Amino acid sequence: MPWTLLPSFDLVFADHANGLGQGAESVINSGAQRRMRNAFVAELTKRGAVMTNLDPAFKADGRATTRYAKDFHIYRDAHRVAAKALAAPINKLLGR
């Protein structure tokens, strides 16, 4: 089964998220999100899962910081970034 790893805002834009306040900075700098993400990836890897990591697509997008809502969910434009990044892996799985 294929998995898509959609990054949380603070994992892609830690510097920007740190500016949201001392509480946010404390949580981000603790590395808890990254550890949870890495543990999840390790488990998927152990199970032989096929994964597509969207971190690079969001980091490469010059407007990506504006593609997340204040509650860190992604906006419609961010879905376009994800769709573009997923096109090749999906086509490969479909044998196209």
PDB file of N, CA and C in Angstrom:
ATOM      1  N   MET A   1       0.845  -1.176   0.000  1.00  0.00           N
ATOM      2  CA  MET A   1       0.000   0.000   0.000  1.00  0.00           C
ATOM      3  C   MET A   1       0.894   1.244   0.000  1.00  0.00           C
ATOM      4  N   PRO A   2       0.645   2.184  -0.903  1.00  0.00           N
ATOM      5  CA  PRO A   2       1.448   3.413  -0.925  1.00  0.00           C
ATOM      6  C   PRO A   2       1.010   4.409   0.152  1.00  0.00           C
ATOM      7  N   TRP A   3       1.970   5.135   0.669  1.00  0.00           N
ATOM      8  CA  TRP A   3       1.729   6.168   1.678  1.00  0.00           C
ATOM      9  C   TRP A   3       2.287   7.498   1.176  1.00  0.00           C
ATOM     10  N   THR A   4       1.605   8.570   1.528  1.00  0.00           N
ATOM     11  CA  THR A   4       2.078   9.917   1.229  1.00  0.00           C
ATOM     12  C   THR A   4       2.381  10.615   2.539  1.00  0.00           C
ATOM     13  N   LEU A   5       3.578  11.143   2.662  1.00  0.00           N
ATOM     14  CA  LEU A   5       3.997  11.824   3.880  1.00  0.00           C
ATOM     15  C   LEU A   5       3.814  13.323   3.685  1.00  0.00           C
ATOM     16  N   LEU A   6       2.727  13.836   4.227  1.00  0.00           N
ATOM     17  CA  LEU A   6       2.423  15.261   4.143  1.00  0.00           C
ATOM     18  C   LEU A   6       3.027  15.936   5.367  1.00  0.00           C
ATOM     19  N   PRO A   7       3.975  16.823   5.159  1.00  0.00           N
ATOM     20  CA  PRO A   7       4.686  17.405   6.294  1.00  0.00           C
ATOM     21  C   PRO A   7       3.853  18.443   7.041  1.00  0.00           C
ATOM     22  N   SER A   8       4.015  18.469   8.331  1.00  0.00           N
ATOM     23  CA  SER A   8       3.398  19.543   9.104  1.00  0.00           C
ATOM     24  C   SER A   8       4.204  20.822   8.853  1.00  0.00           C
ATOM     25  N   PHE A   9       3.554  21.950   9.004  1.00  0.00           N
ATOM     26  CA  PHE A   9       4.172  23.246   8.730  1.00  0.00           C
ATOM     27  C   PHE A   9       5.484  23.415   9.473  1.00  0.00           C
ATOM     28  N   ASP A  10       5.504  23.053  10.742  1.00  0.00           N
ATOM     29  CA  ASP A  10       6.712  23.270  11.550  1.00  0.00           C
ATOM     30  C   ASP A  10       7.879  22.400  11.121  1.00  0.00           C
ATOM     31  N   LEU A  11       7.620  21.281  10.453  1.00  0.00           N
ATOM     32  CA  LEU A  11       8.723  20.459   9.962  1.00  0.00           C
ATOM     33  C   LEU A  11       9.341  21.048   8.699  1.00  0.00           C
ATOM     34  N   VAL A  12       8.525  21.710   7.897  1.00  0.00           N
ATOM     35  CA  VAL A  12       9.028  22.303   6.664  1.00  0.00           C
ATOM     36  C   VAL A  12       9.609  23.687   6.918  1.00  0.00           C
ATOM     37  N   PHE A  13       8.933  24.448   7.779  1.00  0.00           N
ATOM     38  CA  PHE A  13       9.299  25.848   8.010  1.00  0.00           C
ATOM     39  C   PHE A  13       9.538  26.115   9.488  1.00  0.00           C
ATOM     40  N   ALA A  14      10.477  25.399  10.067  1.00  0.00           N
ATOM     41  CA  ALA A  14      10.742  25.526  11.501  1.00  0.00           C
ATOM     42  C   ALA A  14      11.085  26.959  11.895  1.00  0.00           C
ATOM     43  N   ASP A  15      11.888  27.638  11.086  1.00  0.00           N
ATOM     44  CA  ASP A  15      12.279  29.011  11.428  1.00  0.00           C
ATOM     45  C   ASP A  15      11.066  29.933  11.488  1.00  0.00           C
ATOM     46  N   HIS A  16      10.168  29.788  10.541  1.00  0.00           N
ATOM     47  CA  HIS A  16       8.966  30.621  10.524  1.00  0.00           C
ATOM     48  C   HIS A  16       8.049  30.269  11.708  1.00  0.00           C
ATOM     49  N   ALA A  17       7.871  28.974  11.952  1.00  0.00           N
ATOM     50  CA  ALA A  17       7.002  28.535  13.044  1.00  0.00           C
ATOM     51  C   ALA A  17       7.546  28.957  14.400  1.00  0.00           C
ATOM     52  N   ASN A  18       8.871  28.994  14.544  1.00  0.00           N
ATOM     53  CA  ASN A  18       9.474  29.432  15.807  1.00  0.00           C
ATOM     54  C   ASN A  18       9.067  30.855  16.148  1.00  0.00           C
ATOM     55  N   GLY A  19       8.779  31.664  15.139  1.00  0.00           N
ATOM     56  CA  GLY A  19       8.371  33.038  15.356  1.00  0.00           C
ATOM     57  C   GLY A  19       6.942  33.189  15.844  1.00  0.00           C
ATOM     58  N   LEU A  20       6.236  32.090  16.012  1.00  0.00           N
ATOM     59  CA  LEU A  20       4.842  32.143  16.451  1.00  0.00           C
ATOM     60  C   LEU A  20       4.696  32.262  17.961  1.00  0.00           C
ATOM     61  N   GLY A  21       5.785  32.225  18.666  1.00  0.00           N
ATOM     62  CA  GLY A  21       5.719  32.385  20.118  1.00  0.00           C
ATOM     63  C   GLY A  21       6.611  31.397  20.837  1.00  0.00           C
ATOM     64  N   GLN A  22       6.816  31.693  22.115  1.00  0.00           N
ATOM     65  CA  GLN A  22       7.726  30.880  22.916  1.00  0.00           C
ATOM     66  C   GLN A  22       7.233  29.442  23.059  1.00  0.00           C
ATOM     67  N   GLY A  23       5.927  29.250  23.193  1.00  0.00           N
ATOM     68  CA  GLY A  23       5.392  27.890  23.320  1.00  0.00           C
ATOM     69  C   GLY A  23       5.653  27.070  22.072  1.00  0.00           C
ATOM     70  N   ALA A  24       5.394  27.679  20.921  1.00  0.00           N
ATOM     71  CA  ALA A  24       5.636  26.989  19.655  1.00  0.00           C
ATOM     72  C   ALA A  24       7.120  26.671  19.507  1.00  0.00           C
ATOM     73  N   GLU A  25       7.950  27.645  19.812  1.00  0.00           N
ATOM     74  CA  GLU A  25       9.397  27.451  19.680  1.00  0.00           C
ATOM     75  C   GLU A  25       9.879  26.323  20.585  1.00  0.00           C
ATOM     76  N   SER A  26       9.357  26.256  21.780  1.00  0.00           N
ATOM     77  CA  SER A  26       9.759  25.216  22.716  1.00  0.00           C
ATOM     78  C   SER A  26       9.410  23.825  22.182  1.00  0.00           C
ATOM     79  N   VAL A  27       8.197  23.682  21.665  1.00  0.00           N
ATOM     80  CA  VAL A  27       7.767  22.388  21.127  1.00  0.00           C
ATOM     81  C   VAL A  27       8.581  22.026  19.892  1.00  0.00           C
ATOM     82  N   ILE A  28       8.763  22.987  18.988  1.00  0.00           N
ATOM     83  CA  ILE A  28       9.512  22.729  17.761  1.00  0.00           C
ATOM     84  C   ILE A  28      10.945  22.346  18.078  1.00  0.00           C
ATOM     85  N   ASN A  29      11.580  23.097  18.951  1.00  0.00           N
ATOM     86  CA  ASN A  29      12.977  22.832  19.286  1.00  0.00           C
ATOM     87  C   ASN A  29      13.165  21.536  20.074  1.00  0.00           C
ATOM     88  N   SER A  30      12.092  21.034  20.678  1.00  0.00           N
ATOM     89  CA  SER A  30      12.192  19.757  21.395  1.00  0.00           C
ATOM     90  C   SER A  30      12.375  18.596  20.427  1.00  0.00           C
ATOM     91  N   GLY A  31      11.987  18.814  19.159  1.00  0.00           N
ATOM     92  CA  GLY A  31      12.137  17.760  18.150  1.00  0.00           C
ATOM     93  C   GLY A  31      11.075  16.685  18.204  1.00  0.00           C
ATOM     94  N   ALA A  32      10.026  16.878  19.008  1.00  0.00           N
ATOM     95  CA  ALA A  32       8.997  15.851  19.166  1.00  0.00           C
ATOM     96  C   ALA A  32       8.317  15.505  17.843  1.00  0.00           C
ATOM     97  N   GLN A  33       7.972  16.514  17.067  1.00  0.00           N
ATOM     98  CA  GLN A  33       7.308  16.264  15.780  1.00  0.00           C
ATOM     99  C   GLN A  33       8.217  15.450  14.865  1.00  0.00           C
ATOM    100  N   ARG A  34       9.456  15.841  14.785  1.00  0.00           N
ATOM    101  CA  ARG A  34      10.410  15.134  13.912  1.00  0.00           C
ATOM    102  C   ARG A  34      10.598  13.696  14.379  1.00  0.00           C
ATOM    103  N   ARG A  35      10.694  13.481  15.693  1.00  0.00           N
ATOM    104  CA  ARG A  35      10.846  12.112  16.206  1.00  0.00           C
ATOM    105  C   ARG A  35       9.627  11.262  15.871  1.00  0.00           C
ATOM    106  N   MET A  36       8.421  11.829  16.027  1.00  0.00           N
ATOM    107  CA  MET A  36       7.207  11.079  15.685  1.00  0.00           C
ATOM    108  C   MET A  36       7.191  10.735  14.194  1.00  0.00           C
ATOM    109  N   ARG A  37       7.532  11.723  13.362  1.00  0.00           N
ATOM    110  CA  ARG A  37       7.557  11.499  11.924  1.00  0.00           C
ATOM    111  C   ARG A  37       8.581  10.421  11.570  1.00  0.00           C
ATOM    112  N   ASN A  38       9.772  10.507  12.147  1.00  0.00           N
ATOM    113  CA  ASN A  38      10.815   9.536  11.845  1.00  0.00           C
ATOM    114  C   ASN A  38      10.432   8.131  12.315  1.00  0.00           C
ATOM    115  N   ALA A  39       9.770   8.031  13.455  1.00  0.00           N
ATOM    116  CA  ALA A  39       9.323   6.718  13.953  1.00  0.00           C
ATOM    117  C   ALA A  39       8.270   6.122  13.021  1.00  0.00           C
ATOM    118  N   PHE A  40       7.396   6.978  12.518  1.00  0.00           N
ATOM    119  CA  PHE A  40       6.372   6.524  11.576  1.00  0.00           C
ATOM    120  C   PHE A  40       7.027   6.024  10.290  1.00  0.00           C
ATOM    121  N   VAL A  41       7.983   6.789   9.766  1.00  0.00           N
ATOM    122  CA  VAL A  41       8.704   6.394   8.552  1.00  0.00           C
ATOM    123  C   VAL A  41       9.459   5.082   8.790  1.00  0.00           C
ATOM    124  N   ALA A  42      10.075   4.937   9.948  1.00  0.00           N
ATOM    125  CA  ALA A  42      10.808   3.710  10.269  1.00  0.00           C
ATOM    126  C   ALA A  42       9.871   2.503  10.269  1.00  0.00           C
ATOM    127  N   GLU A  43       8.688   2.673  10.833  1.00  0.00           N
ATOM    128  CA  GLU A  43       7.713   1.570  10.857  1.00  0.00           C
ATOM    129  C   GLU A  43       7.247   1.230   9.447  1.00  0.00           C
ATOM    130  N   LEU A  44       6.957   2.242   8.645  1.00  0.00           N
ATOM    131  CA  LEU A  44       6.543   1.985   7.258  1.00  0.00           C
ATOM    132  C   LEU A  44       7.662   1.295   6.475  1.00  0.00           C
ATOM    133  N   THR A  45       8.899   1.735   6.705  1.00  0.00           N
ATOM    134  CA  THR A  45      10.043   1.135   6.027  1.00  0.00           C
ATOM    135  C   THR A  45      10.191  -0.327   6.422  1.00  0.00           C
ATOM    136  N   LYS A  46      10.043  -0.592   7.706  1.00  0.00           N
ATOM    137  CA  LYS A  46      10.136  -1.968   8.212  1.00  0.00           C
ATOM    138  C   LYS A  46       9.096  -2.868   7.547  1.00  0.00           C
ATOM    139  N   ARG A  47       7.937  -2.303   7.248  1.00  0.00           N
ATOM    140  CA  ARG A  47       6.852  -3.071   6.618  1.00  0.00           C
ATOM    141  C   ARG A  47       6.943  -3.090   5.094  1.00  0.00           C
ATOM    142  N   GLY A  48       7.982  -2.453   4.557  1.00  0.00           N
ATOM    143  CA  GLY A  48       8.175  -2.460   3.111  1.00  0.00           C
ATOM    144  C   GLY A  48       7.209  -1.567   2.344  1.00  0.00           C
ATOM    145  N   ALA A  49       6.698  -0.541   2.999  1.00  0.00           N
ATOM    146  CA  ALA A  49       5.722   0.347   2.361  1.00  0.00           C
ATOM    147  C   ALA A  49       6.385   1.230   1.307  1.00  0.00           C
ATOM    148  N   VAL A  50       5.597   1.582   0.320  1.00  0.00           N
ATOM    149  CA  VAL A  50       6.019   2.545  -0.697  1.00  0.00           C
ATOM    150  C   VAL A  50       5.615   3.922  -0.182  1.00  0.00           C
ATOM    151  N   MET A  51       6.585   4.862  -0.126  1.00  0.00           N
ATOM    152  CA  MET A  51       6.300   6.185   0.436  1.00  0.00           C
ATOM    153  C   MET A  51       6.704   7.284  -0.532  1.00  0.00           C
ATOM    154  N   THR A  52       5.920   8.339  -0.535  1.00  0.00           N
ATOM    155  CA  THR A  52       6.269   9.564  -1.241  1.00  0.00           C
ATOM    156  C   THR A  52       6.324  10.660  -0.201  1.00  0.00           C
ATOM    157  N   ASN A  53       7.496  11.272  -0.065  1.00  0.00           N
ATOM    158  CA  ASN A  53       7.714  12.320   0.911  1.00  0.00           C
ATOM    159  C   ASN A  53       7.480  13.676   0.238  1.00  0.00           C
ATOM    160  N   LEU A  54       6.524  14.452   0.736  1.00  0.00           N
ATOM    161  CA  LEU A  54       6.208  15.741   0.140  1.00  0.00           C
ATOM    162  C   LEU A  54       7.027  16.895   0.719  1.00  0.00           C
ATOM    163  N   ASP A  55       7.883  16.632   1.695  1.00  0.00           N
ATOM    164  CA  ASP A  55       8.736  17.697   2.249  1.00  0.00           C
ATOM    165  C   ASP A  55       9.471  18.472   1.151  1.00  0.00           C
ATOM    166  N   PRO A  56      10.164  17.783   0.253  1.00  0.00           N
ATOM    167  CA  PRO A  56      10.926  18.517  -0.770  1.00  0.00           C
ATOM    168  C   PRO A  56      10.040  19.391  -1.665  1.00  0.00           C
ATOM    169  N   ALA A  57       8.852  18.910  -2.011  1.00  0.00           N
ATOM    170  CA  ALA A  57       7.953  19.691  -2.872  1.00  0.00           C
ATOM    171  C   ALA A  57       7.511  20.973  -2.181  1.00  0.00           C
ATOM    172  N   PHE A  58       7.213  20.888  -0.887  1.00  0.00           N
ATOM    173  CA  PHE A  58       6.786  22.076  -0.159  1.00  0.00           C
ATOM    174  C   PHE A  58       7.955  23.038   0.082  1.00  0.00           C
ATOM    175  N   LYS A  59       9.126  22.493   0.353  1.00  0.00           N
ATOM    176  CA  LYS A  59      10.298  23.351   0.570  1.00  0.00           C
ATOM    177  C   LYS A  59      10.714  24.053  -0.721  1.00  0.00           C
ATOM    178  N   ALA A  60      10.558  23.377  -1.850  1.00  0.00           N
ATOM    179  CA  ALA A  60      10.968  23.943  -3.139  1.00  0.00           C
ATOM    180  C   ALA A  60       9.987  24.995  -3.649  1.00  0.00           C
ATOM    181  N   ASP A  61       8.775  24.973  -3.146  1.00  0.00           N
ATOM    182  CA  ASP A  61       7.758  25.911  -3.596  1.00  0.00           C
ATOM    183  C   ASP A  61       7.966  27.260  -2.919  1.00  0.00           C
ATOM    184  N   GLY A  62       8.239  28.286  -3.692  1.00  0.00           N
ATOM    185  CA  GLY A  62       8.561  29.594  -3.128  1.00  0.00           C
ATOM    186  C   GLY A  62       7.453  30.230  -2.310  1.00  0.00           C
ATOM    187  N   ARG A  63       6.200  29.819  -2.517  1.00  0.00           N
ATOM    188  CA  ARG A  63       5.077  30.425  -1.784  1.00  0.00           C
ATOM    189  C   ARG A  63       4.490  29.462  -0.762  1.00  0.00           C
ATOM    190  N   ALA A  64       5.205  28.424  -0.442  1.00  0.00           N
ATOM    191  CA  ALA A  64       4.641  27.375   0.402  1.00  0.00           C
ATOM    192  C   ALA A  64       4.218  27.856   1.787  1.00  0.00           C
ATOM    193  N   THR A  65       4.901  28.862   2.330  1.00  0.00           N
ATOM    194  CA  THR A  65       4.499  29.328   3.663  1.00  0.00           C
ATOM    195  C   THR A  65       3.090  29.898   3.646  1.00  0.00           C
ATOM    196  N   THR A  66       2.627  30.383   2.507  1.00  0.00           N
ATOM    197  CA  THR A  66       1.266  30.930   2.407  1.00  0.00           C
ATOM    198  C   THR A  66       0.251  29.856   2.052  1.00  0.00           C
ATOM    199  N   ARG A  67       0.680  28.654   1.885  1.00  0.00           N
ATOM    200  CA  ARG A  67      -0.214  27.569   1.497  1.00  0.00           C
ATOM    201  C   ARG A  67      -0.781  26.808   2.702  1.00  0.00           C
ATOM    202  N   TYR A  68      -0.375  27.225   3.882  1.00  0.00           N
ATOM    203  CA  TYR A  68      -0.900  26.605   5.102  1.00  0.00           C
ATOM    204  C   TYR A  68      -1.817  27.600   5.812  1.00  0.00           C
ATOM    205  N   ALA A  69      -2.904  27.094   6.379  1.00  0.00           N
ATOM    206  CA  ALA A  69      -3.821  27.930   7.158  1.00  0.00           C
ATOM    207  C   ALA A  69      -3.218  28.175   8.543  1.00  0.00           C
ATOM    208  N   LYS A  70      -3.841  29.076   9.303  1.00  0.00           N
ATOM    209  CA  LYS A  70      -3.328  29.385  10.645  1.00  0.00           C
ATOM    210  C   LYS A  70      -3.324  28.164  11.558  1.00  0.00           C
ATOM    211  N   ASP A  71      -4.206  27.194  11.275  1.00  0.00           N
ATOM    212  CA  ASP A  71      -4.211  25.973  12.081  1.00  0.00           C
ATOM    213  C   ASP A  71      -3.309  24.903  11.458  1.00  0.00           C
ATOM    214  N   PHE A  72      -2.503  25.332  10.468  1.00  0.00           N
ATOM    215  CA  PHE A  72      -1.487  24.507   9.817  1.00  0.00           C
ATOM    216  C   PHE A  72      -2.041  23.428   8.898  1.00  0.00           C
ATOM    217  N   HIS A  73      -3.332  23.484   8.588  1.00  0.00           N
ATOM    218  CA  HIS A  73      -3.851  22.623   7.525  1.00  0.00           C
ATOM    219  C   HIS A  73      -3.492  23.284   6.201  1.00  0.00           C
ATOM    220  N   ILE A  74      -3.417  22.495   5.148  1.00  0.00           N
ATOM    221  CA  ILE A  74      -3.029  23.081   3.872  1.00  0.00           C
ATOM    222  C   ILE A  74      -4.238  23.608   3.109  1.00  0.00           C
ATOM    223  N   TYR A  75      -4.017  24.700   2.400  1.00  0.00           N
ATOM    224  CA  TYR A  75      -5.030  25.303   1.534  1.00  0.00           C
ATOM    225  C   TYR A  75      -5.098  24.567   0.205  1.00  0.00           C
ATOM    226  N   ARG A  76      -6.070  24.952  -0.612  1.00  0.00           N
ATOM    227  CA  ARG A  76      -6.289  24.343  -1.928  1.00  0.00           C
ATOM    228  C   ARG A  76      -5.022  24.404  -2.786  1.00  0.00           C
ATOM    229  N   ASP A  77      -4.335  25.548  -2.793  1.00  0.00           N
ATOM    230  CA  ASP A  77      -3.106  25.647  -3.588  1.00  0.00           C
ATOM    231  C   ASP A  77      -2.062  24.628  -3.150  1.00  0.00           C
ATOM    232  N   ALA A  78      -2.030  24.322  -1.884  1.00  0.00           N
ATOM    233  CA  ALA A  78      -1.086  23.316  -1.401  1.00  0.00           C
ATOM    234  C   ALA A  78      -1.467  21.927  -1.902  1.00  0.00           C
ATOM    235  N   HIS A  79      -2.757  21.699  -2.112  1.00  0.00           N
ATOM    236  CA  HIS A  79      -3.183  20.427  -2.696  1.00  0.00           C
ATOM    237  C   HIS A  79      -2.625  20.297  -4.114  1.00  0.00           C
ATOM    238  N   ARG A  80      -2.513  21.418  -4.811  1.00  0.00           N
ATOM    239  CA  ARG A  80      -1.925  21.395  -6.161  1.00  0.00           C
ATOM    240  C   ARG A  80      -0.446  21.019  -6.100  1.00  0.00           C
ATOM    241  N   VAL A  81       0.271  21.541  -5.115  1.00  0.00           N
ATOM    242  CA  VAL A  81       1.679  21.179  -4.937  1.00  0.00           C
ATOM    243  C   VAL A  81       1.784  19.676  -4.683  1.00  0.00           C
ATOM    244  N   ALA A  82       0.932  19.161  -3.827  1.00  0.00           N
ATOM    245  CA  ALA A  82       0.941  17.732  -3.509  1.00  0.00           C
ATOM    246  C   ALA A  82       0.588  16.901  -4.745  1.00  0.00           C
ATOM    247  N   ALA A  83      -0.431  17.310  -5.481  1.00  0.00           N
ATOM    248  CA  ALA A  83      -0.853  16.555  -6.670  1.00  0.00           C
ATOM    249  C   ALA A  83       0.268  16.486  -7.710  1.00  0.00           C
ATOM    250  N   LYS A  84       0.950  17.600  -7.894  1.00  0.00           N
ATOM    251  CA  LYS A  84       2.055  17.629  -8.856  1.00  0.00           C
ATOM    252  C   LYS A  84       3.165  16.673  -8.427  1.00  0.00           C
ATOM    253  N   ALA A  85       3.479  16.673  -7.135  1.00  0.00           N
ATOM    254  CA  ALA A  85       4.535  15.801  -6.615  1.00  0.00           C
ATOM    255  C   ALA A  85       4.134  14.324  -6.659  1.00  0.00           C
ATOM    256  N   LEU A  86       2.832  14.044  -6.592  1.00  0.00           N
ATOM    257  CA  LEU A  86       2.356  12.662  -6.561  1.00  0.00           C
ATOM    258  C   LEU A  86       2.061  12.084  -7.938  1.00  0.00           C
ATOM    259  N   ALA A  87       2.031  12.920  -8.962  1.00  0.00           N
ATOM    260  CA  ALA A  87       1.659  12.446 -10.301  1.00  0.00           C
ATOM    261  C   ALA A  87       2.556  11.301 -10.776  1.00  0.00           C
ATOM    262  N   ALA A  88       3.866  11.484 -10.694  1.00  0.00           N
ATOM    263  CA  ALA A  88       4.781  10.449 -11.179  1.00  0.00           C
ATOM    264  C   ALA A  88       4.676   9.152 -10.370  1.00  0.00           C
ATOM    265  N   PRO A  89       4.697   9.216  -9.026  1.00  0.00           N
ATOM    266  CA  PRO A  89       4.584   7.950  -8.270  1.00  0.00           C
ATOM    267  C   PRO A  89       3.255   7.227  -8.518  1.00  0.00           C
ATOM    268  N   ILE A  90       2.181   7.984  -8.670  1.00  0.00           N
ATOM    269  CA  ILE A  90       0.881   7.336  -8.925  1.00  0.00           C
ATOM    270  C   ILE A  90       0.871   6.699 -10.311  1.00  0.00           C
ATOM    271  N   ASN A  91       1.381   7.428 -11.287  1.00  0.00           N
ATOM    272  CA  ASN A  91       1.447   6.855 -12.640  1.00  0.00           C
ATOM    273  C   ASN A  91       2.301   5.606 -12.675  1.00  0.00           C
ATOM    274  N   LYS A  92       3.385   5.604 -11.906  1.00  0.00           N
ATOM    275  CA  LYS A  92       4.244   4.408 -11.842  1.00  0.00           C
ATOM    276  C   LYS A  92       3.481   3.226 -11.255  1.00  0.00           C
ATOM    277  N   LEU A  93       2.744   3.474 -10.173  1.00  0.00           N
ATOM    278  CA  LEU A  93       1.969   2.403  -9.555  1.00  0.00           C
ATOM    279  C   LEU A  93       0.870   1.882 -10.470  1.00  0.00           C
ATOM    280  N   LEU A  94       0.335   2.768 -11.309  1.00  0.00           N
ATOM    281  CA  LEU A  94      -0.719   2.381 -12.237  1.00  0.00           C
ATOM    282  C   LEU A  94      -0.164   1.768 -13.524  1.00  0.00           C
ATOM    283  N   GLY A  95       1.161   1.758 -13.623  1.00  0.00           N
ATOM    284  CA  GLY A  95       1.794   1.170 -14.791  1.00  0.00           C
ATOM    285  C   GLY A  95       1.711   2.023 -16.035  1.00  0.00           C
ATOM    286  N   ARG A  96       1.611   3.335 -15.871  1.00  0.00           N
ATOM    287  CA  ARG A  96       1.523   4.240 -17.016  1.00  0.00           C
ATOM    288  C   ARG A  96       2.887   4.720 -17.427  1.00  0.00           C
TER     289      ARG A  96
END
